[in-house]
Amino acid sequence: MNDLIIPSHLSKRFPRLEAIIKQAQGLFDSINSFADLERYFLKGNGLSPNTYRSYLTAIKQFYEYTNGLNPLTMSTGRY
């Protein structure tokens, strides 16, 4: 990932912002399949069985709709 440029007023208010963004980027970079999405965002998060199935269906449909694009590469104007 390129070096982040975070405005100083945000850096002062949220001193860990850059570290958090880099951590999120690392997570998104590691997503290469639907199974990765399921593992990182659903499994082990204490969801009820019905909620898990509902979220799983929604994520799977979205993943298929975007042809498996990394979540950070999507924008509203692209589809």
C-alpha atoms as a PDB file:
ATOM      1  CA  MET A   1       0.000   0.000   0.000  1.00  0.00           C
ATOM      2  CA  ASN A   2       1.212   3.494  -0.743  1.00  0.00           C
ATOM      3  CA  ASP A   3       2.034   5.740   2.167  1.00  0.00           C
ATOM      4  CA  LEU A   4      -1.094   7.300   3.560  1.00  0.00           C
ATOM      5  CA  ILE A   5      -1.508  11.022   3.686  1.00  0.00           C
ATOM      6  CA  ILE A   6      -3.796  11.798   6.578  1.00  0.00           C
ATOM      7  CA  PRO A   7      -4.643  15.425   7.327  1.00  0.00           C
ATOM      8  CA  SER A   8      -3.031  16.621  10.545  1.00  0.00           C
ATOM      9  CA  HIS A   9      -6.369  17.442  12.204  1.00  0.00           C
ATOM     10  CA  LEU A  10      -7.416  13.807  11.756  1.00  0.00           C
ATOM     11  CA  SER A  11      -4.054  12.473  12.914  1.00  0.00           C
ATOM     12  CA  LYS A  12      -4.314  14.511  16.091  1.00  0.00           C
ATOM     13  CA  ARG A  13      -7.877  13.456  16.787  1.00  0.00           C
ATOM     14  CA  PHE A  14      -7.336   9.783  15.841  1.00  0.00           C
ATOM     15  CA  PRO A  15      -3.681   8.940  16.509  1.00  0.00           C
ATOM     16  CA  ARG A  16      -4.099   5.259  15.560  1.00  0.00           C
ATOM     17  CA  LEU A  17      -5.967   5.973  12.306  1.00  0.00           C
ATOM     18  CA  GLU A  18      -3.036   5.175  10.010  1.00  0.00           C
ATOM     19  CA  ALA A  19      -2.324   1.865  11.780  1.00  0.00           C
ATOM     20  CA  ILE A  20      -5.995   0.900  11.595  1.00  0.00           C
ATOM     21  CA  ILE A  21      -6.213   1.695   7.883  1.00  0.00           C
ATOM     22  CA  LYS A  22      -3.060  -0.311   7.174  1.00  0.00           C
ATOM     23  CA  GLN A  23      -4.452  -3.246   9.164  1.00  0.00           C
ATOM     24  CA  ALA A  24      -7.705  -3.102   7.177  1.00  0.00           C
ATOM     25  CA  GLN A  25      -5.749  -2.940   3.918  1.00  0.00           C
ATOM     26  CA  GLY A  26      -3.826  -6.061   4.939  1.00  0.00           C
ATOM     27  CA  LEU A  27      -7.074  -7.868   5.683  1.00  0.00           C
ATOM     28  CA  PHE A  28      -8.627  -6.889   2.354  1.00  0.00           C
ATOM     29  CA  ASP A  29      -5.456  -7.808   0.474  1.00  0.00           C
ATOM     30  CA  SER A  30      -5.714 -11.315   1.925  1.00  0.00           C
ATOM     31  CA  ILE A  31      -9.207 -11.870   0.499  1.00  0.00           C
ATOM     32  CA  ASN A  32      -8.912 -13.997  -2.604  1.00  0.00           C
ATOM     33  CA  SER A  33     -12.139 -16.003  -2.535  1.00  0.00           C
ATOM     34  CA  PHE A  34     -15.620 -16.177  -1.127  1.00  0.00           C
ATOM     35  CA  ALA A  35     -14.352 -18.616   1.514  1.00  0.00           C
ATOM     36  CA  ASP A  36     -11.926 -15.914   2.708  1.00  0.00           C
ATOM     37  CA  LEU A  37     -14.810 -13.452   3.059  1.00  0.00           C
ATOM     38  CA  GLU A  38     -16.799 -15.958   5.057  1.00  0.00           C
ATOM     39  CA  ARG A  39     -13.863 -16.826   7.313  1.00  0.00           C
ATOM     40  CA  TYR A  40     -12.853 -13.226   8.075  1.00  0.00           C
ATOM     41  CA  PHE A  41     -16.279 -11.645   8.476  1.00  0.00           C
ATOM     42  CA  LEU A  42     -18.701 -14.342   9.637  1.00  0.00           C
ATOM     43  CA  LYS A  43     -17.140 -17.378  11.292  1.00  0.00           C
ATOM     44  CA  GLY A  44     -16.563 -17.080  15.014  1.00  0.00           C
ATOM     45  CA  ASN A  45     -18.417 -13.782  15.370  1.00  0.00           C
ATOM     46  CA  GLY A  46     -21.149 -15.178  17.628  1.00  0.00           C
ATOM     47  CA  LEU A  47     -23.958 -14.852  15.116  1.00  0.00           C
ATOM     48  CA  SER A  48     -27.149 -16.829  15.535  1.00  0.00           C
ATOM     49  CA  PRO A  49     -27.635 -19.542  12.901  1.00  0.00           C
ATOM     50  CA  ASN A  50     -30.360 -17.561  11.099  1.00  0.00           C
ATOM     51  CA  THR A  51     -28.317 -14.360  11.094  1.00  0.00           C
ATOM     52  CA  TYR A  52     -25.268 -16.259   9.860  1.00  0.00           C
ATOM     53  CA  ARG A  53     -27.223 -17.759   6.945  1.00  0.00           C
ATOM     54  CA  SER A  54     -28.764 -14.388   6.077  1.00  0.00           C
ATOM     55  CA  TYR A  55     -25.399 -12.592   6.113  1.00  0.00           C
ATOM     56  CA  LEU A  56     -23.758 -15.449   4.230  1.00  0.00           C
ATOM     57  CA  THR A  57     -26.371 -15.235   1.470  1.00  0.00           C
ATOM     58  CA  ALA A  58     -26.017 -11.452   1.187  1.00  0.00           C
ATOM     59  CA  ILE A  59     -22.217 -11.570   1.072  1.00  0.00           C
ATOM     60  CA  LYS A  60     -22.226 -14.404  -1.453  1.00  0.00           C
ATOM     61  CA  GLN A  61     -24.641 -12.539  -3.739  1.00  0.00           C
ATOM     62  CA  PHE A  62     -22.589  -9.358  -3.523  1.00  0.00           C
ATOM     63  CA  TYR A  63     -19.344 -11.254  -4.148  1.00  0.00           C
ATOM     64  CA  GLU A  64     -20.853 -12.923  -7.215  1.00  0.00           C
ATOM     65  CA  TYR A  65     -22.298  -9.601  -8.452  1.00  0.00           C
ATOM     66  CA  THR A  66     -18.848  -7.991  -8.385  1.00  0.00           C
ATOM     67  CA  ASN A  67     -17.182 -11.033  -9.957  1.00  0.00           C
ATOM     68  CA  GLY A  68     -15.069 -11.529  -6.848  1.00  0.00           C
ATOM     69  CA  LEU A  69     -13.496  -8.079  -6.699  1.00  0.00           C
ATOM     70  CA  ASN A  70     -11.573  -7.055  -3.635  1.00  0.00           C
ATOM     71  CA  PRO A  71     -13.900  -4.853  -1.511  1.00  0.00           C
ATOM     72  CA  LEU A  72     -11.425  -1.956  -1.594  1.00  0.00           C
ATOM     73  CA  THR A  73     -11.486  -1.822  -5.401  1.00  0.00           C
ATOM     74  CA  MET A  74     -15.207  -1.143  -5.628  1.00  0.00           C
ATOM     75  CA  SER A  75     -16.969   2.189  -5.846  1.00  0.00           C
ATOM     76  CA  THR A  76     -20.581   3.194  -6.311  1.00  0.00           C
ATOM     77  CA  GLY A  77     -19.996   4.615  -9.776  1.00  0.00           C
ATOM     78  CA  ARG A  78     -18.461   1.420 -11.103  1.00  0.00           C
ATOM     79  CA  TYR A  79     -21.573  -0.722 -11.446  1.00  0.00           C
END
